[in-house]
Amino acid sequence: MTIHDEHGDTIESKRFAATAEEGPTGLLERLGSEVRHVFARCGALPLTIVQDGAPELWNLVEDLLASRN
């Protein structure tokens, strides 16, 4: 997760990862928590998601985003 300023320069970056044994659930919980924290701190910001094309991961991310509304 990277936060950019109005000029596109990086302010802060955080990496999230999970092993195959852990699976994506904990990773998405940590990521969701961090996104909520940033939005609470900074207000509404544009959100762009970059990941591979695995449909199962996109479904999980869509669920995460739907739960924030």
PDB file of N, CA and C in Angstrom:
ATOM      1  N   MET A   1       0.847  -1.147   0.000  1.00  0.00           N
ATOM      2  CA  MET A   1       0.000   0.000   0.000  1.00  0.00           C
ATOM      3  C   MET A   1       0.898   1.216   0.000  1.00  0.00           C
ATOM      4  N   THR A   2       0.631   2.134  -0.941  1.00  0.00           N
ATOM      5  CA  THR A   2       1.428   3.352  -1.035  1.00  0.00           C
ATOM      6  C   THR A   2       0.511   4.562  -1.041  1.00  0.00           C
ATOM      7  N   ILE A   3       0.870   5.556  -0.284  1.00  0.00           N
ATOM      8  CA  ILE A   3       0.144   6.808  -0.245  1.00  0.00           C
ATOM      9  C   ILE A   3       0.995   7.842  -0.972  1.00  0.00           C
ATOM     10  N   HIS A   4       0.350   8.552  -1.903  1.00  0.00           N
ATOM     11  CA  HIS A   4       1.043   9.567  -2.698  1.00  0.00           C
ATOM     12  C   HIS A   4       0.504  10.950  -2.366  1.00  0.00           C
ATOM     13  N   ASP A   5       1.342  11.965  -2.545  1.00  0.00           N
ATOM     14  CA  ASP A   5       0.867  13.331  -2.371  1.00  0.00           C
ATOM     15  C   ASP A   5       0.217  13.816  -3.669  1.00  0.00           C
ATOM     16  N   GLU A   6      -0.203  15.072  -3.672  1.00  0.00           N
ATOM     17  CA  GLU A   6      -0.910  15.607  -4.836  1.00  0.00           C
ATOM     18  C   GLU A   6      -0.053  15.674  -6.094  1.00  0.00           C
ATOM     19  N   HIS A   7       1.265  15.527  -5.949  1.00  0.00           N
ATOM     20  CA  HIS A   7       2.175  15.547  -7.092  1.00  0.00           C
ATOM     21  C   HIS A   7       2.540  14.133  -7.553  1.00  0.00           C
ATOM     22  N   GLY A   8       2.038  13.135  -6.834  1.00  0.00           N
ATOM     23  CA  GLY A   8       2.350  11.750  -7.184  1.00  0.00           C
ATOM     24  C   GLY A   8       3.583  11.205  -6.501  1.00  0.00           C
ATOM     25  N   ASP A   9       4.187  12.000  -5.636  1.00  0.00           N
ATOM     26  CA  ASP A   9       5.359  11.535  -4.896  1.00  0.00           C
ATOM     27  C   ASP A   9       4.918  10.655  -3.729  1.00  0.00           C
ATOM     28  N   THR A  10       5.710   9.636  -3.453  1.00  0.00           N
ATOM     29  CA  THR A  10       5.385   8.697  -2.381  1.00  0.00           C
ATOM     30  C   THR A  10       5.604   9.338  -1.015  1.00  0.00           C
ATOM     31  N   ILE A  11       4.564   9.231  -0.181  1.00  0.00           N
ATOM     32  CA  ILE A  11       4.643   9.698   1.201  1.00  0.00           C
ATOM     33  C   ILE A  11       4.984   8.525   2.112  1.00  0.00           C
ATOM     34  N   GLU A  12       4.322   7.397   1.877  1.00  0.00           N
ATOM     35  CA  GLU A  12       4.470   6.242   2.765  1.00  0.00           C
ATOM     36  C   GLU A  12       4.149   4.975   1.985  1.00  0.00           C
ATOM     37  N   SER A  13       4.893   3.916   2.246  1.00  0.00           N
ATOM     38  CA  SER A  13       4.606   2.607   1.647  1.00  0.00           C
ATOM     39  C   SER A  13       4.631   1.536   2.725  1.00  0.00           C
ATOM     40  N   LYS A  14       3.705   0.598   2.615  1.00  0.00           N
ATOM     41  CA  LYS A  14       3.663  -0.557   3.511  1.00  0.00           C
ATOM     42  C   LYS A  14       3.437  -1.792   2.655  1.00  0.00           C
ATOM     43  N   ARG A  15       4.099  -2.860   3.013  1.00  0.00           N
ATOM     44  CA  ARG A  15       3.935  -4.123   2.293  1.00  0.00           C
ATOM     45  C   ARG A  15       3.149  -5.103   3.143  1.00  0.00           C
ATOM     46  N   PHE A  16       2.299  -5.862   2.478  1.00  0.00           N
ATOM     47  CA  PHE A  16       1.501  -6.886   3.134  1.00  0.00           C
ATOM     48  C   PHE A  16       1.750  -8.192   2.401  1.00  0.00           C
ATOM     49  N   ALA A  17       1.887  -9.273   3.139  1.00  0.00           N
ATOM     50  CA  ALA A  17       2.137 -10.572   2.528  1.00  0.00           C
ATOM     51  C   ALA A  17       1.549 -11.672   3.400  1.00  0.00           C
ATOM     52  N   ALA A  18       1.354 -12.817   2.773  1.00  0.00           N
ATOM     53  CA  ALA A  18       0.886 -14.004   3.496  1.00  0.00           C
ATOM     54  C   ALA A  18       1.498 -15.224   2.830  1.00  0.00           C
ATOM     55  N   THR A  19       1.782 -16.225   3.622  1.00  0.00           N
ATOM     56  CA  THR A  19       2.282 -17.474   3.064  1.00  0.00           C
ATOM     57  C   THR A  19       1.121 -18.262   2.472  1.00  0.00           C
ATOM     58  N   ALA A  20       1.443 -19.271   1.701  1.00  0.00           N
ATOM     59  CA  ALA A  20       0.398 -20.127   1.125  1.00  0.00           C
ATOM     60  C   ALA A  20      -0.412 -20.801   2.231  1.00  0.00           C
ATOM     61  N   GLU A  21       0.247 -21.150   3.328  1.00  0.00           N
ATOM     62  CA  GLU A  21      -0.459 -21.791   4.432  1.00  0.00           C
ATOM     63  C   GLU A  21      -1.422 -20.826   5.124  1.00  0.00           C
ATOM     64  N   GLU A  22      -1.033 -19.556   5.213  1.00  0.00           N
ATOM     65  CA  GLU A  22      -1.890 -18.561   5.857  1.00  0.00           C
ATOM     66  C   GLU A  22      -3.118 -18.239   5.002  1.00  0.00           C
ATOM     67  N   GLY A  23      -2.933 -18.207   3.711  1.00  0.00           N
ATOM     68  CA  GLY A  23      -4.027 -17.853   2.821  1.00  0.00           C
ATOM     69  C   GLY A  23      -4.298 -16.358   2.838  1.00  0.00           C
ATOM     70  N   PRO A  24      -5.275 -15.922   2.051  1.00  0.00           N
ATOM     71  CA  PRO A  24      -5.501 -14.488   1.875  1.00  0.00           C
ATOM     72  C   PRO A  24      -6.337 -13.820   2.965  1.00  0.00           C
ATOM     73  N   THR A  25      -7.020 -14.571   3.793  1.00  0.00           N
ATOM     74  CA  THR A  25      -7.961 -13.976   4.733  1.00  0.00           C
ATOM     75  C   THR A  25      -7.295 -12.993   5.690  1.00  0.00           C
ATOM     76  N   GLY A  26      -6.260 -13.409   6.363  1.00  0.00           N
ATOM     77  CA  GLY A  26      -5.566 -12.527   7.301  1.00  0.00           C
ATOM     78  C   GLY A  26      -4.937 -11.335   6.601  1.00  0.00           C
ATOM     79  N   LEU A  27      -4.413 -11.567   5.426  1.00  0.00           N
ATOM     80  CA  LEU A  27      -3.808 -10.494   4.638  1.00  0.00           C
ATOM     81  C   LEU A  27      -4.844  -9.421   4.324  1.00  0.00           C
ATOM     82  N   LEU A  28      -6.004  -9.839   3.869  1.00  0.00           N
ATOM     83  CA  LEU A  28      -7.050  -8.873   3.535  1.00  0.00           C
ATOM     84  C   LEU A  28      -7.585  -8.164   4.772  1.00  0.00           C
ATOM     85  N   GLU A  29      -7.633  -8.849   5.889  1.00  0.00           N
ATOM     86  CA  GLU A  29      -8.052  -8.192   7.133  1.00  0.00           C
ATOM     87  C   GLU A  29      -7.059  -7.101   7.521  1.00  0.00           C
ATOM     88  N   ARG A  30      -5.766  -7.403   7.417  1.00  0.00           N
ATOM     89  CA  ARG A  30      -4.740  -6.403   7.745  1.00  0.00           C
ATOM     90  C   ARG A  30      -4.790  -5.235   6.767  1.00  0.00           C
ATOM     91  N   LEU A  31      -4.932  -5.534   5.488  1.00  0.00           N
ATOM     92  CA  LEU A  31      -5.006  -4.489   4.482  1.00  0.00           C
ATOM     93  C   LEU A  31      -6.250  -3.629   4.684  1.00  0.00           C
ATOM     94  N   GLY A  32      -7.390  -4.255   4.908  1.00  0.00           N
ATOM     95  CA  GLY A  32      -8.622  -3.511   5.147  1.00  0.00           C
ATOM     96  C   GLY A  32      -8.527  -2.608   6.356  1.00  0.00           C
ATOM     97  N   SER A  33      -7.916  -3.107   7.402  1.00  0.00           N
ATOM     98  CA  SER A  33      -7.739  -2.308   8.610  1.00  0.00           C
ATOM     99  C   SER A  33      -6.863  -1.092   8.324  1.00  0.00           C
ATOM    100  N   GLU A  34      -5.813  -1.288   7.566  1.00  0.00           N
ATOM    101  CA  GLU A  34      -4.916  -0.176   7.242  1.00  0.00           C
ATOM    102  C   GLU A  34      -5.612   0.849   6.344  1.00  0.00           C
ATOM    103  N   VAL A  35      -6.379   0.392   5.381  1.00  0.00           N
ATOM    104  CA  VAL A  35      -7.112   1.310   4.500  1.00  0.00           C
ATOM    105  C   VAL A  35      -8.110   2.129   5.318  1.00  0.00           C
ATOM    106  N   ARG A  36      -8.836   1.480   6.216  1.00  0.00           N
ATOM    107  CA  ARG A  36      -9.785   2.211   7.068  1.00  0.00           C
ATOM    108  C   ARG A  36      -9.057   3.248   7.931  1.00  0.00           C
ATOM    109  N   HIS A  37      -7.900   2.875   8.458  1.00  0.00           N
ATOM    110  CA  HIS A  37      -7.110   3.795   9.271  1.00  0.00           C
ATOM    111  C   HIS A  37      -6.685   5.021   8.459  1.00  0.00           C
ATOM    112  N   VAL A  38      -6.208   4.808   7.251  1.00  0.00           N
ATOM    113  CA  VAL A  38      -5.764   5.922   6.402  1.00  0.00           C
ATOM    114  C   VAL A  38      -6.947   6.817   6.046  1.00  0.00           C
ATOM    115  N   PHE A  39      -8.081   6.221   5.691  1.00  0.00           N
ATOM    116  CA  PHE A  39      -9.256   7.026   5.364  1.00  0.00           C
ATOM    117  C   PHE A  39      -9.720   7.827   6.577  1.00  0.00           C
ATOM    118  N   ALA A  40      -9.657   7.250   7.762  1.00  0.00           N
ATOM    119  CA  ALA A  40     -10.046   7.969   8.972  1.00  0.00           C
ATOM    120  C   ALA A  40      -9.095   9.129   9.235  1.00  0.00           C
ATOM    121  N   ARG A  41      -7.827   8.923   8.950  1.00  0.00           N
ATOM    122  CA  ARG A  41      -6.811   9.937   9.196  1.00  0.00           C
ATOM    123  C   ARG A  41      -6.799  11.021   8.119  1.00  0.00           C
ATOM    124  N   CYS A  42      -7.010  10.634   6.866  1.00  0.00           N
ATOM    125  CA  CYS A  42      -6.812  11.564   5.752  1.00  0.00           C
ATOM    126  C   CYS A  42      -8.090  11.934   5.009  1.00  0.00           C
ATOM    127  N   GLY A  43      -9.193  11.292   5.326  1.00  0.00           N
ATOM    128  CA  GLY A  43     -10.420  11.539   4.577  1.00  0.00           C
ATOM    129  C   GLY A  43     -10.466  10.691   3.317  1.00  0.00           C
ATOM    130  N   ALA A  44     -11.427  10.980   2.492  1.00  0.00           N
ATOM    131  CA  ALA A  44     -11.614  10.202   1.259  1.00  0.00           C
ATOM    132  C   ALA A  44     -10.455  10.465   0.300  1.00  0.00           C
ATOM    133  N   LEU A  45      -9.792   9.417  -0.082  1.00  0.00           N
ATOM    134  CA  LEU A  45      -8.698   9.478  -1.048  1.00  0.00           C
ATOM    135  C   LEU A  45      -9.027   8.550  -2.209  1.00  0.00           C
ATOM    136  N   PRO A  46      -8.495   8.839  -3.394  1.00  0.00           N
ATOM    137  CA  PRO A  46      -8.663   7.876  -4.481  1.00  0.00           C
ATOM    138  C   PRO A  46      -7.984   6.562  -4.098  1.00  0.00           C
ATOM    139  N   LEU A  47      -8.601   5.467  -4.461  1.00  0.00           N
ATOM    140  CA  LEU A  47      -8.060   4.150  -4.130  1.00  0.00           C
ATOM    141  C   LEU A  47      -7.879   3.363  -5.417  1.00  0.00           C
ATOM    142  N   THR A  48      -6.663   2.917  -5.679  1.00  0.00           N
ATOM    143  CA  THR A  48      -6.347   2.112  -6.846  1.00  0.00           C
ATOM    144  C   THR A  48      -5.771   0.801  -6.362  1.00  0.00           C
ATOM    145  N   ILE A  49      -6.238  -0.296  -6.930  1.00  0.00           N
ATOM    146  CA  ILE A  49      -5.755  -1.616  -6.539  1.00  0.00           C
ATOM    147  C   ILE A  49      -5.013  -2.227  -7.714  1.00  0.00           C
ATOM    148  N   VAL A  50      -3.803  -2.701  -7.434  1.00  0.00           N
ATOM    149  CA  VAL A  50      -2.991  -3.366  -8.439  1.00  0.00           C
ATOM    150  C   VAL A  50      -2.654  -4.748  -7.899  1.00  0.00           C
ATOM    151  N   GLN A  51      -3.036  -5.768  -8.634  1.00  0.00           N
ATOM    152  CA  GLN A  51      -2.716  -7.142  -8.249  1.00  0.00           C
ATOM    153  C   GLN A  51      -2.776  -7.993  -9.492  1.00  0.00           C
ATOM    154  N   ASP A  52      -2.442  -9.272  -9.348  1.00  0.00           N
ATOM    155  CA  ASP A  52      -2.492 -10.129 -10.522  1.00  0.00           C
ATOM    156  C   ASP A  52      -3.939 -10.411 -10.908  1.00  0.00           C
ATOM    157  N   GLY A  53      -4.130 -11.130 -11.983  1.00  0.00           N
ATOM    158  CA  GLY A  53      -5.468 -11.332 -12.519  1.00  0.00           C
ATOM    159  C   GLY A  53      -6.221 -12.513 -11.954  1.00  0.00           C
ATOM    160  N   ALA A  54      -5.754 -13.110 -10.875  1.00  0.00           N
ATOM    161  CA  ALA A  54      -6.426 -14.278 -10.316  1.00  0.00           C
ATOM    162  C   ALA A  54      -7.841 -13.919  -9.881  1.00  0.00           C
ATOM    163  N   PRO A  55      -8.868 -14.507 -10.511  1.00  0.00           N
ATOM    164  CA  PRO A  55     -10.255 -14.144 -10.181  1.00  0.00           C
ATOM    165  C   PRO A  55     -10.594 -14.331  -8.710  1.00  0.00           C
ATOM    166  N   GLU A  56     -10.045 -15.355  -8.080  1.00  0.00           N
ATOM    167  CA  GLU A  56     -10.370 -15.587  -6.675  1.00  0.00           C
ATOM    168  C   GLU A  56      -9.868 -14.456  -5.787  1.00  0.00           C
ATOM    169  N   LEU A  57      -8.763 -13.833  -6.143  1.00  0.00           N
ATOM    170  CA  LEU A  57      -8.263 -12.699  -5.371  1.00  0.00           C
ATOM    171  C   LEU A  57      -9.104 -11.451  -5.619  1.00  0.00           C
ATOM    172  N   TRP A  58      -9.510 -11.244  -6.860  1.00  0.00           N
ATOM    173  CA  TRP A  58     -10.354 -10.084  -7.157  1.00  0.00           C
ATOM    174  C   TRP A  58     -11.684 -10.196  -6.431  1.00  0.00           C
ATOM    175  N   ASN A  59     -12.234 -11.395  -6.352  1.00  0.00           N
ATOM    176  CA  ASN A  59     -13.492 -11.579  -5.616  1.00  0.00           C
ATOM    177  C   ASN A  59     -13.316 -11.208  -4.153  1.00  0.00           C
ATOM    178  N   LEU A  60     -12.202 -11.597  -3.556  1.00  0.00           N
ATOM    179  CA  LEU A  60     -11.944 -11.265  -2.151  1.00  0.00           C
ATOM    180  C   LEU A  60     -11.787  -9.758  -1.961  1.00  0.00           C
ATOM    181  N   VAL A  61     -11.094  -9.105  -2.888  1.00  0.00           N
ATOM    182  CA  VAL A  61     -10.905  -7.656  -2.796  1.00  0.00           C
ATOM    183  C   VAL A  61     -12.237  -6.938  -2.986  1.00  0.00           C
ATOM    184  N   GLU A  62     -13.050  -7.403  -3.917  1.00  0.00           N
ATOM    185  CA  GLU A  62     -14.367  -6.789  -4.115  1.00  0.00           C
ATOM    186  C   GLU A  62     -15.214  -6.907  -2.845  1.00  0.00           C
ATOM    187  N   ASP A  63     -15.142  -8.048  -2.178  1.00  0.00           N
ATOM    188  CA  ASP A  63     -15.864  -8.223  -0.913  1.00  0.00           C
ATOM    189  C   ASP A  63     -15.346  -7.253   0.147  1.00  0.00           C
ATOM    190  N   LEU A  64     -14.029  -7.097   0.219  1.00  0.00           N
ATOM    191  CA  LEU A  64     -13.424  -6.176   1.178  1.00  0.00           C
ATOM    192  C   LEU A  64     -13.906  -4.751   0.923  1.00  0.00           C
ATOM    193  N   LEU A  65     -13.897  -4.330  -0.336  1.00  0.00           N
ATOM    194  CA  LEU A  65     -14.321  -2.977  -0.663  1.00  0.00           C
ATOM    195  C   LEU A  65     -15.803  -2.768  -0.415  1.00  0.00           C
ATOM    196  N   ALA A  66     -16.609  -3.769  -0.703  1.00  0.00           N
ATOM    197  CA  ALA A  66     -18.057  -3.667  -0.471  1.00  0.00           C
ATOM    198  C   ALA A  66     -18.349  -3.505   1.016  1.00  0.00           C
ATOM    199  N   SER A  67     -17.530  -4.134   1.851  1.00  0.00           N
ATOM    200  CA  SER A  67     -17.781  -4.069   3.310  1.00  0.00           C
ATOM    201  C   SER A  67     -17.418  -2.705   3.888  1.00  0.00           C
ATOM    202  N   ARG A  68     -16.661  -1.887   3.162  1.00  0.00           N
ATOM    203  CA  ARG A  68     -16.283  -0.569   3.684  1.00  0.00           C
ATOM    204  C   ARG A  68     -17.342   0.478   3.412  1.00  0.00           C
ATOM    205  N   ASN A  69     -18.303   0.180   2.555  1.00  0.00           N
ATOM    206  CA  ASN A  69     -19.373   1.150   2.225  1.00  0.00           C
ATOM    207  C   ASN A  69     -20.475   1.102   3.236  1.00  0.00           C
TER     208      ASN A  69
END
